[in-house]
């Protein structure tokens, strides 16, 4: 096994509700062990963290573009109604897809 796959034993404390949910999943046969449940939860958590990091990078890049546009005078008059209408059109087009 590679160093990244080395196993380390940890103790995890969960709420009673979480423990009940885990026991139910085990009793139903959805998982073979509580460790399997925790590993899946951690994989999901890692995936969410990566997605958030990507979203944050995208947001920072968008802000940098906006900052450059402002610095170079590429700006329009701020019109809340126009922005709201544009957002509604975008949402409507997405809901049709």
PDB file of N, CA and C in Angstrom:
ATOM      1  N   UNK A   1       0.829  -1.187   0.000  1.00  0.00           N
ATOM      2  CA  UNK A   1       0.000   0.000   0.000  1.00  0.00           C
ATOM      3  C   UNK A   1       0.863   1.236   0.000  1.00  0.00           C
ATOM      4  N   UNK A   2       0.471   2.239  -0.782  1.00  0.00           N
ATOM      5  CA  UNK A   2       1.201   3.496  -0.785  1.00  0.00           C
ATOM      6  C   UNK A   2       0.965   4.252   0.503  1.00  0.00           C
ATOM      7  N   UNK A   3       1.820   5.223   0.750  1.00  0.00           N
ATOM      8  CA  UNK A   3       1.714   5.991   1.986  1.00  0.00           C
ATOM      9  C   UNK A   3       0.370   6.708   2.098  1.00  0.00           C
ATOM     10  N   UNK A   4      -0.191   7.162   0.974  1.00  0.00           N
ATOM     11  CA  UNK A   4      -1.483   7.845   1.000  1.00  0.00           C
ATOM     12  C   UNK A   4      -2.629   6.915   1.371  1.00  0.00           C
ATOM     13  N   UNK A   5      -2.441   5.609   1.194  1.00  0.00           N
ATOM     14  CA  UNK A   5      -3.487   4.641   1.496  1.00  0.00           C
ATOM     15  C   UNK A   5      -3.279   3.948   2.829  1.00  0.00           C
ATOM     16  N   UNK A   6      -2.281   4.386   3.601  1.00  0.00           N
ATOM     17  CA  UNK A   6      -2.044   3.780   4.903  1.00  0.00           C
ATOM     18  C   UNK A   6      -3.276   3.990   5.772  1.00  0.00           C
ATOM     19  N   UNK A   7      -3.579   3.008   6.583  1.00  0.00           N
ATOM     20  CA  UNK A   7      -4.770   3.071   7.429  1.00  0.00           C
ATOM     21  C   UNK A   7      -4.395   3.622   8.792  1.00  0.00           C
ATOM     22  N   UNK A   8      -5.215   4.529   9.275  1.00  0.00           N
ATOM     23  CA  UNK A   8      -5.023   5.094  10.608  1.00  0.00           C
ATOM     24  C   UNK A   8      -6.331   4.953  11.366  1.00  0.00           C
ATOM     25  N   UNK A   9      -6.251   4.432  12.553  1.00  0.00           N
ATOM     26  CA  UNK A   9      -7.443   4.239  13.375  1.00  0.00           C
ATOM     27  C   UNK A   9      -7.771   5.540  14.099  1.00  0.00           C
ATOM     28  N   UNK A  10      -9.051   5.929  14.061  1.00  0.00           N
ATOM     29  CA  UNK A  10      -9.504   7.141  14.743  1.00  0.00           C
ATOM     30  C   UNK A  10     -10.803   6.832  15.478  1.00  0.00           C
ATOM     31  N   UNK A  11     -11.063   7.598  16.508  1.00  0.00           N
ATOM     32  CA  UNK A  11     -12.335   7.511  17.210  1.00  0.00           C
ATOM     33  C   UNK A  11     -13.160   8.725  16.813  1.00  0.00           C
ATOM     34  N   UNK A  12     -14.401   8.479  16.424  1.00  0.00           N
ATOM     35  CA  UNK A  12     -15.277   9.556  15.979  1.00  0.00           C
ATOM     36  C   UNK A  12     -16.517   9.565  16.866  1.00  0.00           C
ATOM     37  N   UNK A  13     -16.908  10.740  17.318  1.00  0.00           N
ATOM     38  CA  UNK A  13     -18.112  10.890  18.125  1.00  0.00           C
ATOM     39  C   UNK A  13     -19.205  11.495  17.256  1.00  0.00           C
ATOM     40  N   UNK A  14     -20.392  10.889  17.294  1.00  0.00           N
ATOM     41  CA  UNK A  14     -21.522  11.386  16.508  1.00  0.00           C
ATOM     42  C   UNK A  14     -22.726  11.577  17.429  1.00  0.00           C
ATOM     43  N   UNK A  15     -23.699  12.329  16.951  1.00  0.00           N
ATOM     44  CA  UNK A  15     -24.922  12.525  17.732  1.00  0.00           C
ATOM     45  C   UNK A  15     -25.709  11.218  17.788  1.00  0.00           C
ATOM     46  N   UNK A  16     -26.649  11.136  18.716  1.00  0.00           N
ATOM     47  CA  UNK A  16     -27.495   9.934  18.806  1.00  0.00           C
ATOM     48  C   UNK A  16     -28.270   9.719  17.514  1.00  0.00           C
ATOM     49  N   UNK A  17     -28.758  10.809  16.948  1.00  0.00           N
ATOM     50  CA  UNK A  17     -29.515  10.700  15.702  1.00  0.00           C
ATOM     51  C   UNK A  17     -28.644  10.124  14.587  1.00  0.00           C
ATOM     52  N   UNK A  18     -27.401  10.606  14.482  1.00  0.00           N
ATOM     53  CA  UNK A  18     -26.489  10.076  13.463  1.00  0.00           C
ATOM     54  C   UNK A  18     -26.190   8.604  13.725  1.00  0.00           C
ATOM     55  N   UNK A  19     -25.974   8.256  14.996  1.00  0.00           N
ATOM     56  CA  UNK A  19     -25.692   6.858  15.346  1.00  0.00           C
ATOM     57  C   UNK A  19     -26.880   5.979  14.973  1.00  0.00           C
ATOM     58  N   UNK A  20     -28.081   6.447  15.248  1.00  0.00           N
ATOM     59  CA  UNK A  20     -29.290   5.694  14.896  1.00  0.00           C
ATOM     60  C   UNK A  20     -29.378   5.504  13.378  1.00  0.00           C
ATOM     61  N   UNK A  21     -29.117   6.566  12.640  1.00  0.00           N
ATOM     62  CA  UNK A  21     -29.158   6.492  11.177  1.00  0.00           C
ATOM     63  C   UNK A  21     -28.119   5.500  10.663  1.00  0.00           C
ATOM     64  N   UNK A  22     -26.929   5.538  11.258  1.00  0.00           N
ATOM     65  CA  UNK A  22     -25.876   4.602  10.844  1.00  0.00           C
ATOM     66  C   UNK A  22     -26.287   3.163  11.152  1.00  0.00           C
ATOM     67  N   UNK A  23     -26.815   2.919  12.361  1.00  0.00           N
ATOM     68  CA  UNK A  23     -27.240   1.564  12.722  1.00  0.00           C
ATOM     69  C   UNK A  23     -28.341   1.072  11.777  1.00  0.00           C
ATOM     70  N   UNK A  24     -29.259   1.956  11.435  1.00  0.00           N
ATOM     71  CA  UNK A  24     -30.333   1.575  10.505  1.00  0.00           C
ATOM     72  C   UNK A  24     -29.757   1.152   9.158  1.00  0.00           C
ATOM     73  N   UNK A  25     -28.801   1.929   8.650  1.00  0.00           N
ATOM     74  CA  UNK A  25     -28.174   1.590   7.364  1.00  0.00           C
ATOM     75  C   UNK A  25     -27.443   0.253   7.455  1.00  0.00           C
ATOM     76  N   UNK A  26     -26.796   0.008   8.585  1.00  0.00           N
ATOM     77  CA  UNK A  26     -26.099  -1.269   8.779  1.00  0.00           C
ATOM     78  C   UNK A  26     -27.098  -2.420   8.847  1.00  0.00           C
ATOM     79  N   UNK A  27     -28.176  -2.244   9.612  1.00  0.00           N
ATOM     80  CA  UNK A  27     -29.190  -3.297   9.753  1.00  0.00           C
ATOM     81  C   UNK A  27     -29.890  -3.599   8.436  1.00  0.00           C
ATOM     82  N   UNK A  28     -30.031  -2.583   7.587  1.00  0.00           N
ATOM     83  CA  UNK A  28     -30.662  -2.773   6.279  1.00  0.00           C
ATOM     84  C   UNK A  28     -29.712  -3.425   5.279  1.00  0.00           C
ATOM     85  N   UNK A  29     -28.432  -3.508   5.640  1.00  0.00           N
ATOM     86  CA  UNK A  29     -27.452  -4.104   4.746  1.00  0.00           C
ATOM     87  C   UNK A  29     -26.889  -3.140   3.719  1.00  0.00           C
ATOM     88  N   UNK A  30     -27.173  -1.856   3.889  1.00  0.00           N
ATOM     89  CA  UNK A  30     -26.667  -0.867   2.934  1.00  0.00           C
ATOM     90  C   UNK A  30     -25.153  -0.709   3.053  1.00  0.00           C
ATOM     91  N   UNK A  31     -24.623  -0.975   4.232  1.00  0.00           N
ATOM     92  CA  UNK A  31     -23.183  -0.870   4.489  1.00  0.00           C
ATOM     93  C   UNK A  31     -22.749  -2.071   5.312  1.00  0.00           C
ATOM     94  N   UNK A  32     -21.485  -2.457   5.163  1.00  0.00           N
ATOM     95  CA  UNK A  32     -20.953  -3.596   5.903  1.00  0.00           C
ATOM     96  C   UNK A  32     -20.450  -3.198   7.284  1.00  0.00           C
ATOM     97  N   UNK A  33     -20.066  -1.923   7.448  1.00  0.00           N
ATOM     98  CA  UNK A  33     -19.520  -1.482   8.735  1.00  0.00           C
ATOM     99  C   UNK A  33     -19.709   0.021   8.900  1.00  0.00           C
ATOM    100  N   UNK A  34     -19.601   0.472  10.141  1.00  0.00           N
ATOM    101  CA  UNK A  34     -19.682   1.914  10.391  1.00  0.00           C
ATOM    102  C   UNK A  34     -18.493   2.623   9.749  1.00  0.00           C
ATOM    103  N   UNK A  35     -17.358   1.955   9.672  1.00  0.00           N
ATOM    104  CA  UNK A  35     -16.188   2.547   9.011  1.00  0.00           C
ATOM    105  C   UNK A  35     -16.476   2.830   7.542  1.00  0.00           C
ATOM    106  N   UNK A  36     -17.210   1.929   6.909  1.00  0.00           N
ATOM    107  CA  UNK A  36     -17.565   2.122   5.503  1.00  0.00           C
ATOM    108  C   UNK A  36     -18.443   3.372   5.345  1.00  0.00           C
ATOM    109  N   UNK A  37     -19.365   3.574   6.275  1.00  0.00           N
ATOM    110  CA  UNK A  37     -20.229   4.763   6.239  1.00  0.00           C
ATOM    111  C   UNK A  37     -19.391   6.025   6.394  1.00  0.00           C
ATOM    112  N   UNK A  38     -18.490   6.020   7.363  1.00  0.00           N
ATOM    113  CA  UNK A  38     -17.636   7.187   7.619  1.00  0.00           C
ATOM    114  C   UNK A  38     -16.747   7.470   6.413  1.00  0.00           C
ATOM    115  N   UNK A  39     -16.175   6.421   5.815  1.00  0.00           N
ATOM    116  CA  UNK A  39     -15.317   6.626   4.640  1.00  0.00           C
ATOM    117  C   UNK A  39     -16.100   7.259   3.492  1.00  0.00           C
ATOM    118  N   UNK A  40     -17.330   6.785   3.263  1.00  0.00           N
ATOM    119  CA  UNK A  40     -18.144   7.375   2.194  1.00  0.00           C
ATOM    120  C   UNK A  40     -18.462   8.837   2.507  1.00  0.00           C
ATOM    121  N   UNK A  41     -18.799   9.113   3.756  1.00  0.00           N
ATOM    122  CA  UNK A  41     -19.098  10.495   4.149  1.00  0.00           C
ATOM    123  C   UNK A  41     -17.880  11.388   3.944  1.00  0.00           C
ATOM    124  N   UNK A  42     -16.704  10.887   4.269  1.00  0.00           N
ATOM    125  CA  UNK A  42     -15.482  11.672   4.091  1.00  0.00           C
ATOM    126  C   UNK A  42     -15.162  11.893   2.618  1.00  0.00           C
ATOM    127  N   UNK A  43     -15.404  10.885   1.787  1.00  0.00           N
ATOM    128  CA  UNK A  43     -15.200  11.074   0.340  1.00  0.00           C
ATOM    129  C   UNK A  43     -16.142  12.153  -0.191  1.00  0.00           C
ATOM    130  N   UNK A  44     -17.403  12.118   0.247  1.00  0.00           N
ATOM    131  CA  UNK A  44     -18.360  13.156  -0.166  1.00  0.00           C
ATOM    132  C   UNK A  44     -17.899  14.528   0.310  1.00  0.00           C
ATOM    133  N   UNK A  45     -17.424  14.610   1.537  1.00  0.00           N
ATOM    134  CA  UNK A  45     -16.938  15.867   2.113  1.00  0.00           C
ATOM    135  C   UNK A  45     -15.745  16.396   1.317  1.00  0.00           C
ATOM    136  N   UNK A  46     -14.812  15.506   0.977  1.00  0.00           N
ATOM    137  CA  UNK A  46     -13.656  15.918   0.180  1.00  0.00           C
ATOM    138  C   UNK A  46     -14.104  16.450  -1.178  1.00  0.00           C
ATOM    139  N   UNK A  47     -15.063  15.772  -1.784  1.00  0.00           N
ATOM    140  CA  UNK A  47     -15.578  16.206  -3.086  1.00  0.00           C
ATOM    141  C   UNK A  47     -16.199  17.600  -2.972  1.00  0.00           C
ATOM    142  N   UNK A  48     -16.998  17.829  -1.941  1.00  0.00           N
ATOM    143  CA  UNK A  48     -17.613  19.148  -1.738  1.00  0.00           C
ATOM    144  C   UNK A  48     -16.556  20.222  -1.530  1.00  0.00           C
ATOM    145  N   UNK A  49     -15.520  19.900  -0.784  1.00  0.00           N
ATOM    146  CA  UNK A  49     -14.446  20.876  -0.555  1.00  0.00           C
ATOM    147  C   UNK A  49     -13.770  21.258  -1.869  1.00  0.00           C
ATOM    148  N   UNK A  50     -13.533  20.265  -2.727  1.00  0.00           N
ATOM    149  CA  UNK A  50     -12.919  20.551  -4.025  1.00  0.00           C
ATOM    150  C   UNK A  50     -13.838  21.427  -4.874  1.00  0.00           C
ATOM    151  N   UNK A  51     -15.140  21.115  -4.858  1.00  0.00           N
ATOM    152  CA  UNK A  51     -16.092  21.925  -5.619  1.00  0.00           C
ATOM    153  C   UNK A  51     -16.111  23.364  -5.112  1.00  0.00           C
ATOM    154  N   UNK A  52     -16.130  23.533  -3.786  1.00  0.00           N
ATOM    155  CA  UNK A  52     -16.126  24.882  -3.218  1.00  0.00           C
ATOM    156  C   UNK A  52     -14.860  25.628  -3.602  1.00  0.00           C
ATOM    157  N   UNK A  53     -13.730  24.941  -3.581  1.00  0.00           N
ATOM    158  CA  UNK A  53     -12.464  25.582  -3.952  1.00  0.00           C
ATOM    159  C   UNK A  53     -12.501  26.024  -5.413  1.00  0.00           C
ATOM    160  N   UNK A  54     -13.042  25.176  -6.279  1.00  0.00           N
ATOM    161  CA  UNK A  54     -13.162  25.521  -7.695  1.00  0.00           C
ATOM    162  C   UNK A  54     -14.097  26.712  -7.881  1.00  0.00           C
ATOM    163  N   UNK A  55     -15.226  26.699  -7.171  1.00  0.00           N
ATOM    164  CA  UNK A  55     -16.168  27.821  -7.262  1.00  0.00           C
ATOM    165  C   UNK A  55     -15.522  29.112  -6.781  1.00  0.00           C
ATOM    166  N   UNK A  56     -14.735  29.024  -5.717  1.00  0.00           N
ATOM    167  CA  UNK A  56     -14.057  30.204  -5.191  1.00  0.00           C
ATOM    168  C   UNK A  56     -13.029  30.734  -6.193  1.00  0.00           C
ATOM    169  N   UNK A  57     -12.284  29.834  -6.830  1.00  0.00           N
ATOM    170  CA  UNK A  57     -11.319  30.253  -7.859  1.00  0.00           C
ATOM    171  C   UNK A  57     -12.032  30.962  -9.006  1.00  0.00           C
ATOM    172  N   UNK A  58     -13.167  30.411  -9.431  1.00  0.00           N
ATOM    173  CA  UNK A  58     -13.950  31.019 -10.508  1.00  0.00           C
ATOM    174  C   UNK A  58     -14.440  32.398 -10.102  1.00  0.00           C
ATOM    175  N   UNK A  59     -14.938  32.520  -8.881  1.00  0.00           N
ATOM    176  CA  UNK A  59     -15.414  33.813  -8.386  1.00  0.00           C
ATOM    177  C   UNK A  59     -14.282  34.831  -8.338  1.00  0.00           C
ATOM    178  N   UNK A  60     -13.122  34.406  -7.860  1.00  0.00           N
ATOM    179  CA  UNK A  60     -11.970  35.317  -7.814  1.00  0.00           C
ATOM    180  C   UNK A  60     -11.567  35.766  -9.216  1.00  0.00           C
ATOM    181  N   UNK A  61     -11.600  34.844 -10.168  1.00  0.00           N
ATOM    182  CA  UNK A  61     -11.263  35.196 -11.553  1.00  0.00           C
ATOM    183  C   UNK A  61     -12.282  36.184 -12.113  1.00  0.00           C
ATOM    184  N   UNK A  62     -13.563  35.966 -11.822  1.00  0.00           N
ATOM    185  CA  UNK A  62     -14.607  36.892 -12.282  1.00  0.00           C
ATOM    186  C   UNK A  62     -14.418  38.273 -11.667  1.00  0.00           C
ATOM    187  N   UNK A  63     -14.057  38.312 -10.400  1.00  0.00           N
ATOM    188  CA  UNK A  63     -13.815  39.598  -9.733  1.00  0.00           C
ATOM    189  C   UNK A  63     -12.619  40.303 -10.361  1.00  0.00           C
ATOM    190  N   UNK A  64     -11.580  39.542 -10.690  1.00  0.00           N
ATOM    191  CA  UNK A  64     -10.397  40.137 -11.327  1.00  0.00           C
ATOM    192  C   UNK A  64     -10.766  40.744 -12.682  1.00  0.00           C
ATOM    193  N   UNK A  65     -11.602  40.050 -13.448  1.00  0.00           N
ATOM    194  CA  UNK A  65     -12.054  40.578 -14.741  1.00  0.00           C
ATOM    195  C   UNK A  65     -12.843  41.862 -14.519  1.00  0.00           C
ATOM    196  N   UNK A  66     -13.730  41.847 -13.537  1.00  0.00           N
ATOM    197  CA  UNK A  66     -14.530  43.046 -13.243  1.00  0.00           C
ATOM    198  C   UNK A  66     -13.638  44.206 -12.817  1.00  0.00           C
ATOM    199  N   UNK A  67     -12.645  43.919 -11.992  1.00  0.00           N
ATOM    200  CA  UNK A  67     -11.714  44.973 -11.565  1.00  0.00           C
ATOM    201  C   UNK A  67     -10.980  45.579 -12.759  1.00  0.00           C
ATOM    202  N   UNK A  68     -10.546  44.720 -13.698  1.00  0.00           N
ATOM    203  CA  UNK A  68      -9.866  45.226 -14.899  1.00  0.00           C
ATOM    204  C   UNK A  68     -10.818  46.069 -15.746  1.00  0.00           C
ATOM    205  N   UNK A  69     -12.053  45.589 -15.879  1.00  0.00           N
ATOM    206  CA  UNK A  69     -13.045  46.350 -16.650  1.00  0.00           C
ATOM    207  C   UNK A  69     -13.271  47.725 -16.036  1.00  0.00           C
ATOM    208  N   UNK A  70     -13.377  47.789 -14.729  1.00  0.00           N
ATOM    209  CA  UNK A  70     -13.569  49.075 -14.049  1.00  0.00           C
ATOM    210  C   UNK A  70     -12.357  49.966 -14.270  1.00  0.00           C
ATOM    211  N   UNK A  71     -11.172  49.401 -14.090  1.00  0.00           N
ATOM    212  CA  UNK A  71      -9.936  50.178 -14.247  1.00  0.00           C
ATOM    213  C   UNK A  71      -9.791  50.728 -15.663  1.00  0.00           C
ATOM    214  N   UNK A  72     -10.283  49.977 -16.654  1.00  0.00           N
ATOM    215  CA  UNK A  72     -10.159  50.395 -18.051  1.00  0.00           C
ATOM    216  C   UNK A  72     -11.400  51.128 -18.557  1.00  0.00           C
ATOM    217  N   UNK A  73     -12.330  51.432 -17.653  1.00  0.00           N
ATOM    218  CA  UNK A  73     -13.498  52.219 -18.029  1.00  0.00           C
ATOM    219  C   UNK A  73     -14.580  51.469 -18.772  1.00  0.00           C
ATOM    220  N   UNK A  74     -14.532  50.158 -18.759  1.00  0.00           N
ATOM    221  CA  UNK A  74     -15.564  49.358 -19.437  1.00  0.00           C
ATOM    222  C   UNK A  74     -16.699  49.048 -18.450  1.00  0.00           C
ATOM    223  N   UNK A  75     -17.466  50.086 -18.141  1.00  0.00           N
ATOM    224  CA  UNK A  75     -18.572  49.915 -17.193  1.00  0.00           C
ATOM    225  C   UNK A  75     -19.833  50.569 -17.741  1.00  0.00           C
ATOM    226  N   UNK A  76     -20.975  50.080 -17.304  1.00  0.00           N
ATOM    227  CA  UNK A  76     -22.274  50.643 -17.673  1.00  0.00           C
ATOM    228  C   UNK A  76     -22.908  51.261 -16.438  1.00  0.00           C
ATOM    229  N   UNK A  77     -23.953  51.997 -16.681  1.00  0.00           N
ATOM    230  CA  UNK A  77     -24.747  52.531 -15.585  1.00  0.00           C
ATOM    231  C   UNK A  77     -25.398  51.365 -14.852  1.00  0.00           C
ATOM    232  N   UNK A  78     -25.386  51.424 -13.547  1.00  0.00           N
ATOM    233  CA  UNK A  78     -25.956  50.364 -12.719  1.00  0.00           C
ATOM    234  C   UNK A  78     -27.471  50.488 -12.720  1.00  0.00           C
ATOM    235  N   UNK A  79     -28.148  49.488 -13.255  1.00  0.00           N
ATOM    236  CA  UNK A  79     -29.607  49.495 -13.330  1.00  0.00           C
ATOM    237  C   UNK A  79     -30.122  48.187 -12.734  1.00  0.00           C
ATOM    238  N   UNK A  80     -30.622  48.269 -11.509  1.00  0.00           N
ATOM    239  CA  UNK A  80     -31.074  47.078 -10.788  1.00  0.00           C
ATOM    240  C   UNK A  80     -32.169  46.347 -11.554  1.00  0.00           C
ATOM    241  N   UNK A  81     -33.109  47.069 -12.108  1.00  0.00           N
ATOM    242  CA  UNK A  81     -34.212  46.429 -12.839  1.00  0.00           C
ATOM    243  C   UNK A  81     -33.707  45.658 -14.047  1.00  0.00           C
ATOM    244  N   UNK A  82     -32.768  46.240 -14.783  1.00  0.00           N
ATOM    245  CA  UNK A  82     -32.210  45.556 -15.952  1.00  0.00           C
ATOM    246  C   UNK A  82     -31.484  44.280 -15.523  1.00  0.00           C
ATOM    247  N   UNK A  83     -30.750  44.370 -14.431  1.00  0.00           N
ATOM    248  CA  UNK A  83     -30.026  43.200 -13.925  1.00  0.00           C
ATOM    249  C   UNK A  83     -31.016  42.118 -13.497  1.00  0.00           C
ATOM    250  N   UNK A  84     -32.072  42.502 -12.787  1.00  0.00           N
ATOM    251  CA  UNK A  84     -33.082  41.536 -12.339  1.00  0.00           C
ATOM    252  C   UNK A  84     -33.769  40.870 -13.528  1.00  0.00           C
ATOM    253  N   UNK A  85     -34.110  41.645 -14.543  1.00  0.00           N
ATOM    254  CA  UNK A  85     -34.743  41.088 -15.741  1.00  0.00           C
ATOM    255  C   UNK A  85     -33.820  40.098 -16.436  1.00  0.00           C
ATOM    256  N   UNK A  86     -32.569  40.459 -16.531  1.00  0.00           N
ATOM    257  CA  UNK A  86     -31.593  39.565 -17.171  1.00  0.00           C
ATOM    258  C   UNK A  86     -31.470  38.266 -16.378  1.00  0.00           C
ATOM    259  N   UNK A  87     -31.428  38.379 -15.051  1.00  0.00           N
ATOM    260  CA  UNK A  87     -31.354  37.189 -14.203  1.00  0.00           C
ATOM    261  C   UNK A  87     -32.574  36.303 -14.365  1.00  0.00           C
ATOM    262  N   UNK A  88     -33.754  36.906 -14.435  1.00  0.00           N
ATOM    263  CA  UNK A  88     -34.984  36.138 -14.637  1.00  0.00           C
ATOM    264  C   UNK A  88     -34.948  35.390 -15.969  1.00  0.00           C
ATOM    265  N   UNK A  89     -34.461  36.039 -17.013  1.00  0.00           N
ATOM    266  CA  UNK A  89     -34.370  35.388 -18.324  1.00  0.00           C
ATOM    267  C   UNK A  89     -33.415  34.198 -18.272  1.00  0.00           C
ATOM    268  N   UNK A  90     -32.304  34.379 -17.578  1.00  0.00           N
ATOM    269  CA  UNK A  90     -31.333  33.282 -17.450  1.00  0.00           C
ATOM    270  C   UNK A  90     -31.963  32.113 -16.706  1.00  0.00           C
ATOM    271  N   UNK A  91     -32.647  32.398 -15.593  1.00  0.00           N
ATOM    272  CA  UNK A  91     -33.296  31.336 -14.821  1.00  0.00           C
ATOM    273  C   UNK A  91     -34.362  30.622 -15.641  1.00  0.00           C
ATOM    274  N   UNK A  92     -35.144  31.377 -16.394  1.00  0.00           N
ATOM    275  CA  UNK A  92     -36.181  30.773 -17.226  1.00  0.00           C
ATOM    276  C   UNK A  92     -35.580  29.882 -18.301  1.00  0.00           C
ATOM    277  N   UNK A  93     -34.481  30.312 -18.903  1.00  0.00           N
ATOM    278  CA  UNK A  93     -33.857  29.495 -19.948  1.00  0.00           C
ATOM    279  C   UNK A  93     -33.270  28.219 -19.361  1.00  0.00           C
ATOM    280  N   UNK A  94     -32.771  28.281 -18.131  1.00  0.00           N
ATOM    281  CA  UNK A  94     -32.222  27.082 -17.480  1.00  0.00           C
ATOM    282  C   UNK A  94     -33.325  26.107 -17.102  1.00  0.00           C
ATOM    283  N   UNK A  95     -34.466  26.619 -16.679  1.00  0.00           N
ATOM    284  CA  UNK A  95     -35.550  25.730 -16.257  1.00  0.00           C
ATOM    285  C   UNK A  95     -36.186  25.012 -17.442  1.00  0.00           C
ATOM    286  N   UNK A  96     -36.036  25.551 -18.632  1.00  0.00           N
ATOM    287  CA  UNK A  96     -36.569  24.904 -19.834  1.00  0.00           C
ATOM    288  C   UNK A  96     -35.665  23.778 -20.313  1.00  0.00           C
ATOM    289  N   UNK A  97     -34.390  23.831 -19.932  1.00  0.00           N
ATOM    290  CA  UNK A  97     -33.430  22.838 -20.423  1.00  0.00           C
ATOM    291  C   UNK A  97     -33.578  21.532 -19.714  1.00  0.00           C
TER     292      UNK A  97
END
